[in-house]
């Protein structure tokens, strides 16, 4: 793993933690009843969960397409090698 990738991963984790802490603080400081705070808390947790699921699905799709492209390239290379013989 490249050093730049480590920095990016650290940055991504730090921003996620900071954003989560800021969200928790803002919900706690929110004026209103406990039921309103609970509603915003549940919605925030659902949003975080949906974001993680979406990013994983997008990554999996990209990796799948990369694998399919490699297989297609290998088939093409094999056909070209057979034609050269």
PDB file of N, CA and C in Angstrom:
ATOM      1  N   UNK A   1       0.851  -1.176   0.000  1.00  0.00           N
ATOM      2  CA  UNK A   1       0.000   0.000   0.000  1.00  0.00           C
ATOM      3  C   UNK A   1       0.898   1.241   0.000  1.00  0.00           C
ATOM      4  N   UNK A   2       0.579   2.180  -0.856  1.00  0.00           N
ATOM      5  CA  UNK A   2       1.375   3.394  -0.956  1.00  0.00           C
ATOM      6  C   UNK A   2       1.158   4.285   0.257  1.00  0.00           C
ATOM      7  N   UNK A   3       2.149   5.113   0.517  1.00  0.00           N
ATOM      8  CA  UNK A   3       2.070   6.033   1.653  1.00  0.00           C
ATOM      9  C   UNK A   3       0.896   7.004   1.476  1.00  0.00           C
ATOM     10  N   UNK A   4       0.672   7.434   0.227  1.00  0.00           N
ATOM     11  CA  UNK A   4      -0.428   8.362  -0.063  1.00  0.00           C
ATOM     12  C   UNK A   4      -1.771   7.716   0.271  1.00  0.00           C
ATOM     13  N   UNK A   5      -1.907   6.415  -0.007  1.00  0.00           N
ATOM     14  CA  UNK A   5      -3.143   5.708   0.321  1.00  0.00           C
ATOM     15  C   UNK A   5      -3.376   5.680   1.825  1.00  0.00           C
ATOM     16  N   UNK A   6      -2.291   5.515   2.601  1.00  0.00           N
ATOM     17  CA  UNK A   6      -2.419   5.524   4.059  1.00  0.00           C
ATOM     18  C   UNK A   6      -2.902   6.876   4.555  1.00  0.00           C
ATOM     19  N   UNK A   7      -2.368   7.954   3.961  1.00  0.00           N
ATOM     20  CA  UNK A   7      -2.801   9.294   4.349  1.00  0.00           C
ATOM     21  C   UNK A   7      -4.272   9.501   4.019  1.00  0.00           C
ATOM     22  N   UNK A   8      -4.681   9.028   2.846  1.00  0.00           N
ATOM     23  CA  UNK A   8      -6.074   9.204   2.442  1.00  0.00           C
ATOM     24  C   UNK A   8      -7.002   8.423   3.366  1.00  0.00           C
ATOM     25  N   UNK A   9      -6.632   7.212   3.721  1.00  0.00           N
ATOM     26  CA  UNK A   9      -7.444   6.395   4.619  1.00  0.00           C
ATOM     27  C   UNK A   9      -7.535   7.043   5.994  1.00  0.00           C
ATOM     28  N   UNK A  10      -6.433   7.566   6.485  1.00  0.00           N
ATOM     29  CA  UNK A  10      -6.431   8.267   7.771  1.00  0.00           C
ATOM     30  C   UNK A  10      -7.334   9.498   7.711  1.00  0.00           C
ATOM     31  N   UNK A  11      -7.228  10.251   6.630  1.00  0.00           N
ATOM     32  CA  UNK A  11      -8.073  11.442   6.446  1.00  0.00           C
ATOM     33  C   UNK A  11      -9.552  11.056   6.418  1.00  0.00           C
ATOM     34  N   UNK A  12      -9.886  10.009   5.670  1.00  0.00           N
ATOM     35  CA  UNK A  12     -11.282   9.582   5.563  1.00  0.00           C
ATOM     36  C   UNK A  12     -11.831   9.145   6.921  1.00  0.00           C
ATOM     37  N   UNK A  13     -11.045   8.403   7.670  1.00  0.00           N
ATOM     38  CA  UNK A  13     -11.484   7.962   8.999  1.00  0.00           C
ATOM     39  C   UNK A  13     -11.649   9.150   9.941  1.00  0.00           C
ATOM     40  N   UNK A  14     -10.704  10.079   9.903  1.00  0.00           N
ATOM     41  CA  UNK A  14     -10.766  11.244  10.789  1.00  0.00           C
ATOM     42  C   UNK A  14     -11.981  12.119  10.470  1.00  0.00           C
ATOM     43  N   UNK A  15     -12.240  12.346   9.196  1.00  0.00           N
ATOM     44  CA  UNK A  15     -13.403  13.177   8.848  1.00  0.00           C
ATOM     45  C   UNK A  15     -14.708  12.484   9.215  1.00  0.00           C
ATOM     46  N   UNK A  16     -14.755  11.168   9.094  1.00  0.00           N
ATOM     47  CA  UNK A  16     -15.958  10.436   9.495  1.00  0.00           C
ATOM     48  C   UNK A  16     -16.188  10.574  10.989  1.00  0.00           C
ATOM     49  N   UNK A  17     -15.131  10.417  11.770  1.00  0.00           N
ATOM     50  CA  UNK A  17     -15.243  10.526  13.230  1.00  0.00           C
ATOM     51  C   UNK A  17     -15.642  11.940  13.638  1.00  0.00           C
ATOM     52  N   UNK A  18     -15.013  12.950  13.032  1.00  0.00           N
ATOM     53  CA  UNK A  18     -15.348  14.344  13.352  1.00  0.00           C
ATOM     54  C   UNK A  18     -16.795  14.653  12.996  1.00  0.00           C
ATOM     55  N   UNK A  19     -17.243  14.204  11.829  1.00  0.00           N
ATOM     56  CA  UNK A  19     -18.624  14.451  11.413  1.00  0.00           C
ATOM     57  C   UNK A  19     -19.615  13.751  12.337  1.00  0.00           C
ATOM     58  N   UNK A  20     -19.287  12.539  12.765  1.00  0.00           N
ATOM     59  CA  UNK A  20     -20.169  11.805  13.672  1.00  0.00           C
ATOM     60  C   UNK A  20     -20.255  12.499  15.029  1.00  0.00           C
ATOM     61  N   UNK A  21     -19.128  12.938  15.541  1.00  0.00           N
ATOM     62  CA  UNK A  21     -19.120  13.648  16.827  1.00  0.00           C
ATOM     63  C   UNK A  21     -19.908  14.956  16.714  1.00  0.00           C
ATOM     64  N   UNK A  22     -19.712  15.690  15.625  1.00  0.00           N
ATOM     65  CA  UNK A  22     -20.451  16.944  15.422  1.00  0.00           C
ATOM     66  C   UNK A  22     -21.951  16.690  15.343  1.00  0.00           C
ATOM     67  N   UNK A  23     -22.350  15.598  14.677  1.00  0.00           N
ATOM     68  CA  UNK A  23     -23.763  15.261  14.577  1.00  0.00           C
ATOM     69  C   UNK A  23     -24.339  14.925  15.954  1.00  0.00           C
ATOM     70  N   UNK A  24     -23.613  14.158  16.741  1.00  0.00           N
ATOM     71  CA  UNK A  24     -24.085  13.788  18.080  1.00  0.00           C
ATOM     72  C   UNK A  24     -24.224  15.025  18.962  1.00  0.00           C
ATOM     73  N   UNK A  25     -23.221  15.893  18.921  1.00  0.00           N
ATOM     74  CA  UNK A  25     -23.280  17.116  19.728  1.00  0.00           C
ATOM     75  C   UNK A  25     -24.460  17.987  19.318  1.00  0.00           C
ATOM     76  N   UNK A  26     -24.671  18.129  18.006  1.00  0.00           N
ATOM     77  CA  UNK A  26     -25.774  18.979  17.551  1.00  0.00           C
ATOM     78  C   UNK A  26     -27.129  18.403  17.938  1.00  0.00           C
ATOM     79  N   UNK A  27     -27.264  17.086  17.932  1.00  0.00           N
ATOM     80  CA  UNK A  27     -28.541  16.474  18.340  1.00  0.00           C
ATOM     81  C   UNK A  27     -28.753  16.657  19.837  1.00  0.00           C
ATOM     82  N   UNK A  28     -27.689  16.491  20.630  1.00  0.00           N
ATOM     83  CA  UNK A  28     -27.812  16.662  22.082  1.00  0.00           C
ATOM     84  C   UNK A  28     -28.171  18.102  22.421  1.00  0.00           C
ATOM     85  N   UNK A  29     -27.557  19.059  21.742  1.00  0.00           N
ATOM     86  CA  UNK A  29     -27.799  20.488  22.011  1.00  0.00           C
ATOM     87  C   UNK A  29     -29.094  21.010  21.380  1.00  0.00           C
ATOM     88  N   UNK A  30     -29.737  20.192  20.562  1.00  0.00           N
ATOM     89  CA  UNK A  30     -30.960  20.604  19.874  1.00  0.00           C
ATOM     90  C   UNK A  30     -32.063  20.913  20.882  1.00  0.00           C
ATOM     91  N   UNK A  31     -32.668  22.105  20.764  1.00  0.00           N
ATOM     92  CA  UNK A  31     -33.777  22.384  21.682  1.00  0.00           C
ATOM     93  C   UNK A  31     -35.003  21.560  21.261  1.00  0.00           C
ATOM     94  N   UNK A  32     -35.650  20.996  22.221  1.00  0.00           N
ATOM     95  CA  UNK A  32     -36.846  20.220  21.907  1.00  0.00           C
ATOM     96  C   UNK A  32     -36.982  19.006  22.798  1.00  0.00           C
ATOM     97  N   UNK A  33     -38.044  18.283  22.559  1.00  0.00           N
ATOM     98  CA  UNK A  33     -38.351  17.102  23.357  1.00  0.00           C
ATOM     99  C   UNK A  33     -37.393  15.955  23.029  1.00  0.00           C
ATOM    100  N   UNK A  34     -37.395  14.986  23.923  1.00  0.00           N
ATOM    101  CA  UNK A  34     -36.561  13.812  23.740  1.00  0.00           C
ATOM    102  C   UNK A  34     -36.999  13.019  22.504  1.00  0.00           C
ATOM    103  N   UNK A  35     -38.288  13.027  22.210  1.00  0.00           N
ATOM    104  CA  UNK A  35     -38.788  12.283  21.051  1.00  0.00           C
ATOM    105  C   UNK A  35     -38.253  12.867  19.753  1.00  0.00           C
ATOM    106  N   UNK A  36     -38.104  14.177  19.685  1.00  0.00           N
ATOM    107  CA  UNK A  36     -37.547  14.830  18.495  1.00  0.00           C
ATOM    108  C   UNK A  36     -36.071  14.475  18.355  1.00  0.00           C
ATOM    109  N   UNK A  37     -35.348  14.515  19.468  1.00  0.00           N
ATOM    110  CA  UNK A  37     -33.936  14.156  19.444  1.00  0.00           C
ATOM    111  C   UNK A  37     -33.762  12.684  19.047  1.00  0.00           C
ATOM    112  N   UNK A  38     -34.630  11.838  19.554  1.00  0.00           N
ATOM    113  CA  UNK A  38     -34.586  10.421  19.191  1.00  0.00           C
ATOM    114  C   UNK A  38     -34.843  10.213  17.710  1.00  0.00           C
ATOM    115  N   UNK A  39     -35.802  10.944  17.162  1.00  0.00           N
ATOM    116  CA  UNK A  39     -36.121  10.845  15.739  1.00  0.00           C
ATOM    117  C   UNK A  39     -34.908  11.253  14.895  1.00  0.00           C
ATOM    118  N   UNK A  40     -34.289  12.382  15.240  1.00  0.00           N
ATOM    119  CA  UNK A  40     -33.116  12.830  14.498  1.00  0.00           C
ATOM    120  C   UNK A  40     -31.949  11.859  14.660  1.00  0.00           C
ATOM    121  N   UNK A  41     -31.821  11.260  15.823  1.00  0.00           N
ATOM    122  CA  UNK A  41     -30.754  10.281  16.049  1.00  0.00           C
ATOM    123  C   UNK A  41     -30.940   9.053  15.169  1.00  0.00           C
ATOM    124  N   UNK A  42     -32.161   8.525  15.137  1.00  0.00           N
ATOM    125  CA  UNK A  42     -32.446   7.351  14.309  1.00  0.00           C
ATOM    126  C   UNK A  42     -32.236   7.679  12.833  1.00  0.00           C
ATOM    127  N   UNK A  43     -32.715   8.839  12.401  1.00  0.00           N
ATOM    128  CA  UNK A  43     -32.525   9.245  11.001  1.00  0.00           C
ATOM    129  C   UNK A  43     -31.047   9.397  10.663  1.00  0.00           C
ATOM    130  N   UNK A  44     -30.272   9.941  11.582  1.00  0.00           N
ATOM    131  CA  UNK A  44     -28.834  10.113  11.354  1.00  0.00           C
ATOM    132  C   UNK A  44     -28.129   8.759  11.255  1.00  0.00           C
ATOM    133  N   UNK A  45     -28.475   7.840  12.128  1.00  0.00           N
ATOM    134  CA  UNK A  45     -27.883   6.510  12.061  1.00  0.00           C
ATOM    135  C   UNK A  45     -28.247   5.805  10.763  1.00  0.00           C
ATOM    136  N   UNK A  46     -29.496   5.967  10.328  1.00  0.00           N
ATOM    137  CA  UNK A  46     -29.927   5.368   9.074  1.00  0.00           C
ATOM    138  C   UNK A  46     -29.171   5.974   7.895  1.00  0.00           C
ATOM    139  N   UNK A  47     -28.960   7.286   7.926  1.00  0.00           N
ATOM    140  CA  UNK A  47     -28.218   7.955   6.863  1.00  0.00           C
ATOM    141  C   UNK A  47     -26.775   7.458   6.799  1.00  0.00           C
ATOM    142  N   UNK A  48     -26.131   7.314   7.941  1.00  0.00           N
ATOM    143  CA  UNK A  48     -24.755   6.808   7.978  1.00  0.00           C
ATOM    144  C   UNK A  48     -24.718   5.378   7.438  1.00  0.00           C
ATOM    145  N   UNK A  49     -25.646   4.544   7.873  1.00  0.00           N
ATOM    146  CA  UNK A  49     -25.705   3.161   7.413  1.00  0.00           C
ATOM    147  C   UNK A  49     -25.938   3.088   5.903  1.00  0.00           C
ATOM    148  N   UNK A  50     -26.856   3.897   5.401  1.00  0.00           N
ATOM    149  CA  UNK A  50     -27.142   3.905   3.965  1.00  0.00           C
ATOM    150  C   UNK A  50     -25.938   4.394   3.165  1.00  0.00           C
ATOM    151  N   UNK A  51     -25.209   5.359   3.685  1.00  0.00           N
ATOM    152  CA  UNK A  51     -24.020   5.875   3.009  1.00  0.00           C
ATOM    153  C   UNK A  51     -22.938   4.804   2.922  1.00  0.00           C
ATOM    154  N   UNK A  52     -22.725   4.083   3.999  1.00  0.00           N
ATOM    155  CA  UNK A  52     -21.723   3.007   4.000  1.00  0.00           C
ATOM    156  C   UNK A  52     -22.131   1.909   3.023  1.00  0.00           C
ATOM    157  N   UNK A  53     -23.400   1.546   3.024  1.00  0.00           N
ATOM    158  CA  UNK A  53     -23.894   0.509   2.114  1.00  0.00           C
ATOM    159  C   UNK A  53     -23.741   0.943   0.659  1.00  0.00           C
ATOM    160  N   UNK A  54     -24.086   2.193   0.372  1.00  0.00           N
ATOM    161  CA  UNK A  54     -23.964   2.703  -0.995  1.00  0.00           C
ATOM    162  C   UNK A  54     -22.511   2.720  -1.445  1.00  0.00           C
ATOM    163  N   UNK A  55     -21.603   3.183  -0.606  1.00  0.00           N
ATOM    164  CA  UNK A  55     -20.196   3.231  -1.002  1.00  0.00           C
ATOM    165  C   UNK A  55     -19.636   1.831  -1.225  1.00  0.00           C
ATOM    166  N   UNK A  56     -20.062   0.854  -0.414  1.00  0.00           N
ATOM    167  CA  UNK A  56     -19.618  -0.523  -0.604  1.00  0.00           C
ATOM    168  C   UNK A  56     -20.170  -1.093  -1.906  1.00  0.00           C
ATOM    169  N   UNK A  57     -21.430  -0.808  -2.207  1.00  0.00           N
ATOM    170  CA  UNK A  57     -22.034  -1.309  -3.445  1.00  0.00           C
ATOM    171  C   UNK A  57     -21.340  -0.722  -4.672  1.00  0.00           C
ATOM    172  N   UNK A  58     -21.019   0.553  -4.628  1.00  0.00           N
ATOM    173  CA  UNK A  58     -20.331   1.202  -5.749  1.00  0.00           C
ATOM    174  C   UNK A  58     -18.938   0.611  -5.921  1.00  0.00           C
ATOM    175  N   UNK A  59     -18.229   0.398  -4.810  1.00  0.00           N
ATOM    176  CA  UNK A  59     -16.895  -0.196  -4.873  1.00  0.00           C
ATOM    177  C   UNK A  59     -16.954  -1.618  -5.429  1.00  0.00           C
ATOM    178  N   UNK A  60     -17.922  -2.411  -4.959  1.00  0.00           N
ATOM    179  CA  UNK A  60     -18.067  -3.782  -5.445  1.00  0.00           C
ATOM    180  C   UNK A  60     -18.368  -3.804  -6.941  1.00  0.00           C
ATOM    181  N   UNK A  61     -19.201  -2.888  -7.410  1.00  0.00           N
ATOM    182  CA  UNK A  61     -19.534  -2.809  -8.839  1.00  0.00           C
ATOM    183  C   UNK A  61     -18.285  -2.463  -9.649  1.00  0.00           C
ATOM    184  N   UNK A  62     -17.489  -1.519  -9.164  1.00  0.00           N
ATOM    185  CA  UNK A  62     -16.260  -1.133  -9.871  1.00  0.00           C
ATOM    186  C   UNK A  62     -15.273  -2.302  -9.915  1.00  0.00           C
ATOM    187  N   UNK A  63     -15.130  -3.024  -8.813  1.00  0.00           N
ATOM    188  CA  UNK A  63     -14.229  -4.179  -8.794  1.00  0.00           C
ATOM    189  C   UNK A  63     -14.722  -5.278  -9.715  1.00  0.00           C
ATOM    190  N   UNK A  64     -16.023  -5.477  -9.769  1.00  0.00           N
ATOM    191  CA  UNK A  64     -16.605  -6.483 -10.660  1.00  0.00           C
ATOM    192  C   UNK A  64     -16.336  -6.118 -12.118  1.00  0.00           C
ATOM    193  N   UNK A  65     -16.542  -4.856 -12.462  1.00  0.00           N
ATOM    194  CA  UNK A  65     -16.279  -4.415 -13.839  1.00  0.00           C
ATOM    195  C   UNK A  65     -14.804  -4.551 -14.182  1.00  0.00           C
ATOM    196  N   UNK A  66     -13.922  -4.267 -13.233  1.00  0.00           N
ATOM    197  CA  UNK A  66     -12.489  -4.401 -13.461  1.00  0.00           C
ATOM    198  C   UNK A  66     -12.135  -5.861 -13.734  1.00  0.00           C
ATOM    199  N   UNK A  67     -12.731  -6.779 -12.972  1.00  0.00           N
ATOM    200  CA  UNK A  67     -12.472  -8.203 -13.172  1.00  0.00           C
ATOM    201  C   UNK A  67     -12.981  -8.661 -14.532  1.00  0.00           C
ATOM    202  N   UNK A  68     -14.178  -8.225 -14.897  1.00  0.00           N
ATOM    203  CA  UNK A  68     -14.745  -8.601 -16.202  1.00  0.00           C
ATOM    204  C   UNK A  68     -13.857  -8.081 -17.325  1.00  0.00           C
ATOM    205  N   UNK A  69     -13.358  -6.849 -17.186  1.00  0.00           N
ATOM    206  CA  UNK A  69     -12.469  -6.288 -18.209  1.00  0.00           C
ATOM    207  C   UNK A  69     -11.178  -7.087 -18.318  1.00  0.00           C
ATOM    208  N   UNK A  70     -10.635  -7.530 -17.195  1.00  0.00           N
ATOM    209  CA  UNK A  70      -9.411  -8.339 -17.229  1.00  0.00           C
ATOM    210  C   UNK A  70      -9.654  -9.664 -17.939  1.00  0.00           C
ATOM    211  N   UNK A  71     -10.793 -10.276 -17.665  1.00  0.00           N
ATOM    212  CA  UNK A  71     -11.127 -11.548 -18.319  1.00  0.00           C
ATOM    213  C   UNK A  71     -11.256 -11.337 -19.823  1.00  0.00           C
ATOM    214  N   UNK A  72     -11.943 -10.256 -20.223  1.00  0.00           N
ATOM    215  CA  UNK A  72     -12.095  -9.963 -21.646  1.00  0.00           C
ATOM    216  C   UNK A  72     -10.740  -9.697 -22.301  1.00  0.00           C
ATOM    217  N   UNK A  73      -9.864  -8.973 -21.614  1.00  0.00           N
ATOM    218  CA  UNK A  73      -8.535  -8.701 -22.159  1.00  0.00           C
ATOM    219  C   UNK A  73      -7.735  -9.995 -22.303  1.00  0.00           C
ATOM    220  N   UNK A  74      -7.861 -10.896 -21.335  1.00  0.00           N
ATOM    221  CA  UNK A  74      -7.150 -12.174 -21.405  1.00  0.00           C
ATOM    222  C   UNK A  74      -7.666 -13.004 -22.577  1.00  0.00           C
ATOM    223  N   UNK A  75      -8.982 -13.018 -22.789  1.00  0.00           N
ATOM    224  CA  UNK A  75      -9.554 -13.748 -23.928  1.00  0.00           C
ATOM    225  C   UNK A  75      -9.061 -13.163 -25.241  1.00  0.00           C
ATOM    226  N   UNK A  76      -9.028 -11.847 -25.338  1.00  0.00           N
ATOM    227  CA  UNK A  76      -8.559 -11.184 -26.554  1.00  0.00           C
ATOM    228  C   UNK A  76      -7.091 -11.496 -26.803  1.00  0.00           C
ATOM    229  N   UNK A  77      -6.283 -11.445 -25.746  1.00  0.00           N
ATOM    230  CA  UNK A  77      -4.856 -11.749 -25.888  1.00  0.00           C
ATOM    231  C   UNK A  77      -4.660 -13.196 -26.330  1.00  0.00           C
ATOM    232  N   UNK A  78      -5.442 -14.098 -25.787  1.00  0.00           N
ATOM    233  CA  UNK A  78      -5.346 -15.508 -26.166  1.00  0.00           C
ATOM    234  C   UNK A  78      -5.709 -15.693 -27.623  1.00  0.00           C
ATOM    235  N   UNK A  79      -6.772 -15.054 -28.096  1.00  0.00           N
ATOM    236  CA  UNK A  79      -7.172 -15.140 -29.503  1.00  0.00           C
ATOM    237  C   UNK A  79      -6.090 -14.570 -30.407  1.00  0.00           C
ATOM    238  N   UNK A  80      -5.517 -13.447 -30.026  1.00  0.00           N
ATOM    239  CA  UNK A  80      -4.460 -12.846 -30.841  1.00  0.00           C
ATOM    240  C   UNK A  80      -3.239 -13.745 -30.900  1.00  0.00           C
ATOM    241  N   UNK A  81      -2.905 -14.375 -29.769  1.00  0.00           N
ATOM    242  CA  UNK A  81      -1.772 -15.309 -29.739  1.00  0.00           C
ATOM    243  C   UNK A  81      -2.022 -16.520 -30.632  1.00  0.00           C
ATOM    244  N   UNK A  82      -3.255 -16.995 -30.646  1.00  0.00           N
ATOM    245  CA  UNK A  82      -3.614 -18.140 -31.486  1.00  0.00           C
ATOM    246  C   UNK A  82      -3.551 -17.756 -32.956  1.00  0.00           C
ATOM    247  N   UNK A  83      -3.918 -16.525 -33.283  1.00  0.00           N
ATOM    248  CA  UNK A  83      -3.855 -16.085 -34.682  1.00  0.00           C
ATOM    249  C   UNK A  83      -2.411 -15.915 -35.150  1.00  0.00           C
ATOM    250  N   UNK A  84      -1.525 -15.543 -34.244  1.00  0.00           N
ATOM    251  CA  UNK A  84      -0.116 -15.366 -34.596  1.00  0.00           C
ATOM    252  C   UNK A  84       0.572 -16.704 -34.877  1.00  0.00           C
ATOM    253  N   UNK A  85       0.066 -17.750 -34.306  1.00  0.00           N
ATOM    254  CA  UNK A  85       0.719 -19.075 -34.458  1.00  0.00           C
ATOM    255  C   UNK A  85       0.470 -19.658 -35.793  1.00  0.00           C
TER     256      UNK A  85
END
